[in-house]
Amino acid sequence: MKLLFTRNETPEKVVIVFKPYSMYVLLVVLLMLMAVSFIDALASYEYLANYLMPVAALVVVARIIFMHKVNKEIQQAIRDERVEISGGKLSAKNPLTFVIIKLKAQET
């Protein structure tokens, strides 16, 4: 899914870049939930929690479902020690990037 990650494949490697935008949405929603829950001046907006909780849950579930296959691929590459990791999960300028080196087919 292009909103969560991009995956580019060449004959030598696979480059997977995680987009930080879903994490930004999740952080903003959680901050808003905390604000209406713990700041007395915002108590009148506490009804927003009824809408914010499903949004947070939706973001988490969407990340789990849509990124399951690519996460398994990355985990296997980490076990095989053929991955290079760079960037940060919350960085828009330098997003979390995985470069997986493909195994060459063995000649018989």
N, C-alpha and C. Protein backbone atom coordinates (compact mmCIF):
# COMPACT_ATOMS: atom_id res chain seq x y z
N MET A 1 0.85 -1.17 0.00
CA MET A 1 0.00 0.00 0.00
C MET A 1 0.89 1.24 0.00
N LYS A 2 0.69 2.10 -0.96
CA LYS A 2 1.56 3.26 -1.17
C LYS A 2 1.54 4.26 -0.01
N LEU A 3 0.44 4.31 0.76
CA LEU A 3 0.37 5.23 1.88
C LEU A 3 1.25 4.81 3.05
N LEU A 4 1.49 3.52 3.19
CA LEU A 4 2.25 3.00 4.32
C LEU A 4 3.70 2.71 3.98
N PHE A 5 3.95 2.23 2.78
CA PHE A 5 5.32 1.90 2.38
C PHE A 5 5.41 1.84 0.86
N THR A 6 6.66 1.90 0.36
CA THR A 6 6.91 1.65 -1.05
C THR A 6 7.92 0.51 -1.14
N ARG A 7 7.77 -0.30 -2.17
CA ARG A 7 8.65 -1.45 -2.36
C ARG A 7 9.12 -1.43 -3.82
N ASN A 8 10.43 -1.26 -4.00
CA ASN A 8 11.03 -1.26 -5.33
C ASN A 8 11.97 -2.45 -5.43
N GLU A 9 11.82 -3.21 -6.49
CA GLU A 9 12.61 -4.43 -6.65
C GLU A 9 13.46 -4.34 -7.92
N THR A 10 14.73 -4.71 -7.77
CA THR A 10 15.64 -4.83 -8.90
C THR A 10 16.18 -6.25 -8.88
N PRO A 11 16.92 -6.66 -9.90
CA PRO A 11 17.47 -8.03 -9.89
C PRO A 11 18.43 -8.30 -8.72
N GLU A 12 19.07 -7.25 -8.18
CA GLU A 12 20.04 -7.44 -7.11
C GLU A 12 19.50 -7.22 -5.71
N LYS A 13 18.48 -6.35 -5.59
CA LYS A 13 18.01 -5.99 -4.25
C LYS A 13 16.55 -5.56 -4.25
N VAL A 14 16.01 -5.49 -3.04
CA VAL A 14 14.66 -4.99 -2.81
C VAL A 14 14.80 -3.82 -1.84
N VAL A 15 14.22 -2.68 -2.20
CA VAL A 15 14.26 -1.50 -1.34
C VAL A 15 12.85 -1.23 -0.83
N ILE A 16 12.69 -1.26 0.50
CA ILE A 16 11.40 -1.00 1.14
C ILE A 16 11.55 0.25 1.98
N VAL A 17 10.69 1.24 1.72
CA VAL A 17 10.71 2.49 2.46
C VAL A 17 9.39 2.65 3.19
N PHE A 18 9.45 2.73 4.53
CA PHE A 18 8.25 2.94 5.34
C PHE A 18 7.94 4.43 5.39
N LYS A 19 6.73 4.79 5.03
CA LYS A 19 6.29 6.18 5.08
C LYS A 19 5.89 6.51 6.53
N PRO A 20 6.22 7.69 7.03
CA PRO A 20 5.94 8.02 8.43
C PRO A 20 4.54 8.59 8.68
N TYR A 21 3.75 8.79 7.65
CA TYR A 21 2.52 9.55 7.79
C TYR A 21 1.46 8.87 8.67
N SER A 22 1.35 7.56 8.61
CA SER A 22 0.39 6.88 9.48
C SER A 22 0.81 7.01 10.94
N MET A 23 2.11 7.05 11.18
CA MET A 23 2.59 7.24 12.56
C MET A 23 2.28 8.66 13.03
N TYR A 24 2.38 9.64 12.13
CA TYR A 24 2.02 11.01 12.49
C TYR A 24 0.55 11.10 12.89
N VAL A 25 -0.31 10.46 12.09
CA VAL A 25 -1.75 10.47 12.40
C VAL A 25 -1.99 9.82 13.75
N LEU A 26 -1.36 8.69 13.99
CA LEU A 26 -1.54 7.98 15.26
C LEU A 26 -1.07 8.84 16.44
N LEU A 27 0.08 9.48 16.30
CA LEU A 27 0.58 10.33 17.38
C LEU A 27 -0.35 11.51 17.65
N VAL A 28 -0.85 12.15 16.61
CA VAL A 28 -1.75 13.29 16.79
C VAL A 28 -3.04 12.85 17.46
N VAL A 29 -3.59 11.72 17.03
CA VAL A 29 -4.82 11.22 17.63
C VAL A 29 -4.60 10.89 19.10
N LEU A 30 -3.49 10.24 19.42
CA LEU A 30 -3.22 9.90 20.82
C LEU A 30 -2.97 11.14 21.67
N LEU A 31 -2.30 12.14 21.12
CA LEU A 31 -2.10 13.39 21.85
C LEU A 31 -3.44 14.10 22.11
N MET A 32 -4.32 14.07 21.12
CA MET A 32 -5.64 14.68 21.30
C MET A 32 -6.43 13.93 22.36
N LEU A 33 -6.35 12.61 22.35
CA LEU A 33 -7.03 11.80 23.37
C LEU A 33 -6.51 12.15 24.76
N MET A 34 -5.20 12.25 24.89
CA MET A 34 -4.63 12.60 26.19
C MET A 34 -5.06 14.01 26.62
N ALA A 35 -5.07 14.93 25.67
CA ALA A 35 -5.44 16.31 25.99
C ALA A 35 -6.87 16.39 26.52
N VAL A 36 -7.82 15.77 25.83
CA VAL A 36 -9.22 15.88 26.28
C VAL A 36 -9.47 15.05 27.54
N SER A 37 -8.60 14.08 27.81
CA SER A 37 -8.79 13.26 29.00
C SER A 37 -8.17 13.87 30.25
N PHE A 38 -7.04 14.56 30.11
CA PHE A 38 -6.29 14.99 31.29
C PHE A 38 -6.25 16.50 31.52
N ILE A 39 -6.64 17.29 30.56
CA ILE A 39 -6.63 18.74 30.74
C ILE A 39 -8.04 19.20 31.04
N ASP A 40 -8.21 19.77 32.23
CA ASP A 40 -9.54 20.16 32.70
C ASP A 40 -10.21 21.18 31.78
N ALA A 41 -9.44 22.08 31.21
CA ALA A 41 -10.00 23.11 30.33
C ALA A 41 -10.62 22.51 29.07
N LEU A 42 -10.19 21.31 28.70
CA LEU A 42 -10.72 20.64 27.50
C LEU A 42 -11.76 19.56 27.84
N ALA A 43 -12.22 19.53 29.05
CA ALA A 43 -13.18 18.50 29.49
C ALA A 43 -14.47 18.54 28.67
N SER A 44 -14.84 19.72 28.19
CA SER A 44 -16.08 19.82 27.41
C SER A 44 -15.96 19.13 26.05
N TYR A 45 -14.73 18.82 25.63
CA TYR A 45 -14.51 18.13 24.36
C TYR A 45 -14.28 16.63 24.55
N GLU A 46 -14.60 16.15 25.71
CA GLU A 46 -14.33 14.74 26.01
C GLU A 46 -15.13 13.79 25.11
N TYR A 47 -16.23 14.24 24.57
CA TYR A 47 -17.01 13.43 23.64
C TYR A 47 -16.21 13.05 22.40
N LEU A 48 -15.16 13.82 22.06
CA LEU A 48 -14.32 13.52 20.90
C LEU A 48 -13.58 12.19 21.06
N ALA A 49 -13.40 11.77 22.31
CA ALA A 49 -12.72 10.49 22.55
C ALA A 49 -13.49 9.34 21.91
N ASN A 50 -14.81 9.48 21.82
CA ASN A 50 -15.62 8.44 21.18
C ASN A 50 -15.30 8.28 19.70
N TYR A 51 -14.78 9.32 19.08
CA TYR A 51 -14.42 9.27 17.67
C TYR A 51 -12.93 9.01 17.48
N LEU A 52 -12.12 9.50 18.41
CA LEU A 52 -10.68 9.37 18.27
C LEU A 52 -10.18 7.95 18.53
N MET A 53 -10.79 7.25 19.47
CA MET A 53 -10.36 5.87 19.77
C MET A 53 -10.52 4.95 18.56
N PRO A 54 -11.65 4.97 17.85
CA PRO A 54 -11.75 4.13 16.66
C PRO A 54 -10.76 4.52 15.56
N VAL A 55 -10.46 5.81 15.45
CA VAL A 55 -9.48 6.25 14.45
C VAL A 55 -8.11 5.67 14.79
N ALA A 56 -7.72 5.75 16.06
CA ALA A 56 -6.43 5.19 16.49
C ALA A 56 -6.40 3.68 16.24
N ALA A 57 -7.48 3.00 16.59
CA ALA A 57 -7.54 1.55 16.39
C ALA A 57 -7.48 1.22 14.90
N LEU A 58 -8.13 2.00 14.07
CA LEU A 58 -8.12 1.77 12.63
C LEU A 58 -6.72 1.92 12.05
N VAL A 59 -5.99 2.93 12.49
CA VAL A 59 -4.62 3.13 12.00
C VAL A 59 -3.74 1.95 12.39
N VAL A 60 -3.85 1.51 13.64
CA VAL A 60 -3.03 0.38 14.11
C VAL A 60 -3.38 -0.89 13.34
N VAL A 61 -4.66 -1.18 13.20
CA VAL A 61 -5.09 -2.40 12.49
C VAL A 61 -4.69 -2.34 11.02
N ALA A 62 -4.83 -1.18 10.39
CA ALA A 62 -4.44 -1.04 8.98
C ALA A 62 -2.95 -1.30 8.81
N ARG A 63 -2.13 -0.77 9.71
CA ARG A 63 -0.68 -1.01 9.62
C ARG A 63 -0.37 -2.50 9.78
N ILE A 64 -1.05 -3.14 10.70
CA ILE A 64 -0.80 -4.57 10.92
C ILE A 64 -1.20 -5.39 9.70
N ILE A 65 -2.37 -5.13 9.17
CA ILE A 65 -2.88 -5.92 8.04
C ILE A 65 -2.10 -5.65 6.76
N PHE A 66 -1.95 -4.38 6.40
CA PHE A 66 -1.34 -4.06 5.11
C PHE A 66 0.18 -4.22 5.09
N MET A 67 0.81 -4.25 6.26
CA MET A 67 2.26 -4.37 6.29
C MET A 67 2.73 -5.75 6.74
N HIS A 68 1.80 -6.67 6.93
CA HIS A 68 2.15 -8.01 7.41
C HIS A 68 3.13 -8.72 6.48
N LYS A 69 2.82 -8.74 5.21
CA LYS A 69 3.65 -9.47 4.24
C LYS A 69 5.06 -8.87 4.14
N VAL A 70 5.14 -7.54 4.07
CA VAL A 70 6.44 -6.90 3.94
C VAL A 70 7.25 -7.04 5.24
N ASN A 71 6.57 -7.02 6.39
CA ASN A 71 7.27 -7.21 7.66
C ASN A 71 7.85 -8.62 7.76
N LYS A 72 7.13 -9.61 7.27
CA LYS A 72 7.66 -10.98 7.26
C LYS A 72 8.88 -11.08 6.36
N GLU A 73 8.84 -10.41 5.22
CA GLU A 73 9.98 -10.41 4.30
C GLU A 73 11.21 -9.76 4.96
N ILE A 74 10.99 -8.67 5.66
CA ILE A 74 12.09 -7.99 6.35
C ILE A 74 12.65 -8.84 7.48
N GLN A 75 11.77 -9.47 8.24
CA GLN A 75 12.22 -10.33 9.34
C GLN A 75 13.06 -11.48 8.83
N GLN A 76 12.66 -12.08 7.72
CA GLN A 76 13.43 -13.19 7.16
C GLN A 76 14.79 -12.69 6.68
N ALA A 77 14.84 -11.53 6.06
CA ALA A 77 16.11 -10.97 5.60
C ALA A 77 17.03 -10.65 6.78
N ILE A 78 16.45 -10.18 7.89
CA ILE A 78 17.25 -9.91 9.09
C ILE A 78 17.83 -11.20 9.63
N ARG A 79 17.03 -12.26 9.66
CA ARG A 79 17.54 -13.56 10.13
C ARG A 79 18.66 -14.07 9.24
N ASP A 80 18.54 -13.84 7.94
CA ASP A 80 19.56 -14.30 6.99
C ASP A 80 20.74 -13.33 6.88
N GLU A 81 20.69 -12.23 7.62
CA GLU A 81 21.74 -11.22 7.65
C GLU A 81 22.06 -10.66 6.25
N ARG A 82 21.01 -10.31 5.53
CA ARG A 82 21.20 -9.73 4.20
C ARG A 82 20.33 -8.48 4.01
N VAL A 83 20.30 -7.66 5.07
CA VAL A 83 19.52 -6.42 5.03
C VAL A 83 20.35 -5.27 5.58
N GLU A 84 20.16 -4.10 4.97
CA GLU A 84 20.77 -2.86 5.45
C GLU A 84 19.64 -1.93 5.85
N ILE A 85 19.72 -1.38 7.05
CA ILE A 85 18.66 -0.53 7.58
C ILE A 85 19.19 0.88 7.77
N SER A 86 18.40 1.87 7.35
CA SER A 86 18.79 3.27 7.55
C SER A 86 17.55 4.10 7.78
N GLY A 87 17.74 5.30 8.28
CA GLY A 87 16.64 6.23 8.47
C GLY A 87 15.95 6.07 9.81
N GLY A 88 14.85 6.79 9.95
CA GLY A 88 14.09 6.77 11.19
C GLY A 88 12.61 6.60 10.92
N LYS A 89 11.90 6.03 11.88
CA LYS A 89 10.48 5.73 11.72
C LYS A 89 9.62 7.00 11.62
N LEU A 90 10.05 8.07 12.26
CA LEU A 90 9.25 9.30 12.25
C LEU A 90 9.85 10.40 11.38
N SER A 91 10.87 10.10 10.61
CA SER A 91 11.53 11.11 9.78
C SER A 91 10.94 11.15 8.38
N ALA A 92 10.48 12.33 7.97
CA ALA A 92 9.96 12.49 6.62
C ALA A 92 11.10 12.67 5.62
N LYS A 93 12.20 13.29 6.06
CA LYS A 93 13.34 13.52 5.17
C LYS A 93 14.19 12.27 4.98
N ASN A 94 14.29 11.45 6.02
CA ASN A 94 15.10 10.24 5.97
C ASN A 94 14.28 9.08 6.54
N PRO A 95 13.27 8.60 5.78
CA PRO A 95 12.37 7.58 6.32
C PRO A 95 13.08 6.23 6.52
N LEU A 96 12.48 5.42 7.35
CA LEU A 96 13.02 4.08 7.64
C LEU A 96 13.09 3.29 6.34
N THR A 97 14.30 2.85 5.98
CA THR A 97 14.54 2.19 4.70
C THR A 97 15.25 0.87 4.93
N PHE A 98 14.76 -0.17 4.27
CA PHE A 98 15.37 -1.49 4.32
C PHE A 98 15.83 -1.85 2.91
N VAL A 99 17.10 -2.19 2.78
CA VAL A 99 17.64 -2.67 1.51
C VAL A 99 17.97 -4.14 1.70
N ILE A 100 17.23 -5.00 1.02
CA ILE A 100 17.42 -6.44 1.14
C ILE A 100 18.19 -6.92 -0.07
N ILE A 101 19.33 -7.51 0.19
CA ILE A 101 20.17 -8.07 -0.88
C ILE A 101 19.61 -9.43 -1.25
N LYS A 102 19.33 -9.61 -2.52
CA LYS A 102 18.77 -10.88 -2.99
C LYS A 102 19.85 -11.96 -3.03
N LEU A 103 19.42 -13.18 -2.73
CA LEU A 103 20.32 -14.32 -2.85
C LEU A 103 20.46 -14.68 -4.31
N LYS A 104 21.69 -14.94 -4.73
CA LYS A 104 21.91 -15.35 -6.11
C LYS A 104 21.61 -16.84 -6.23
N ALA A 105 20.96 -17.19 -7.33
CA ALA A 105 20.66 -18.60 -7.56
C ALA A 105 21.94 -19.40 -7.74
N GLN A 106 22.04 -20.48 -7.00
CA GLN A 106 23.25 -21.29 -7.06
C GLN A 106 23.23 -22.13 -8.32
N GLU A 107 24.37 -22.13 -9.01
CA GLU A 107 24.48 -22.91 -10.23
C GLU A 107 24.85 -24.34 -9.88
N THR A 108 24.24 -25.28 -10.58
CA THR A 108 24.54 -26.70 -10.32
C THR A 108 25.30 -27.32 -11.46
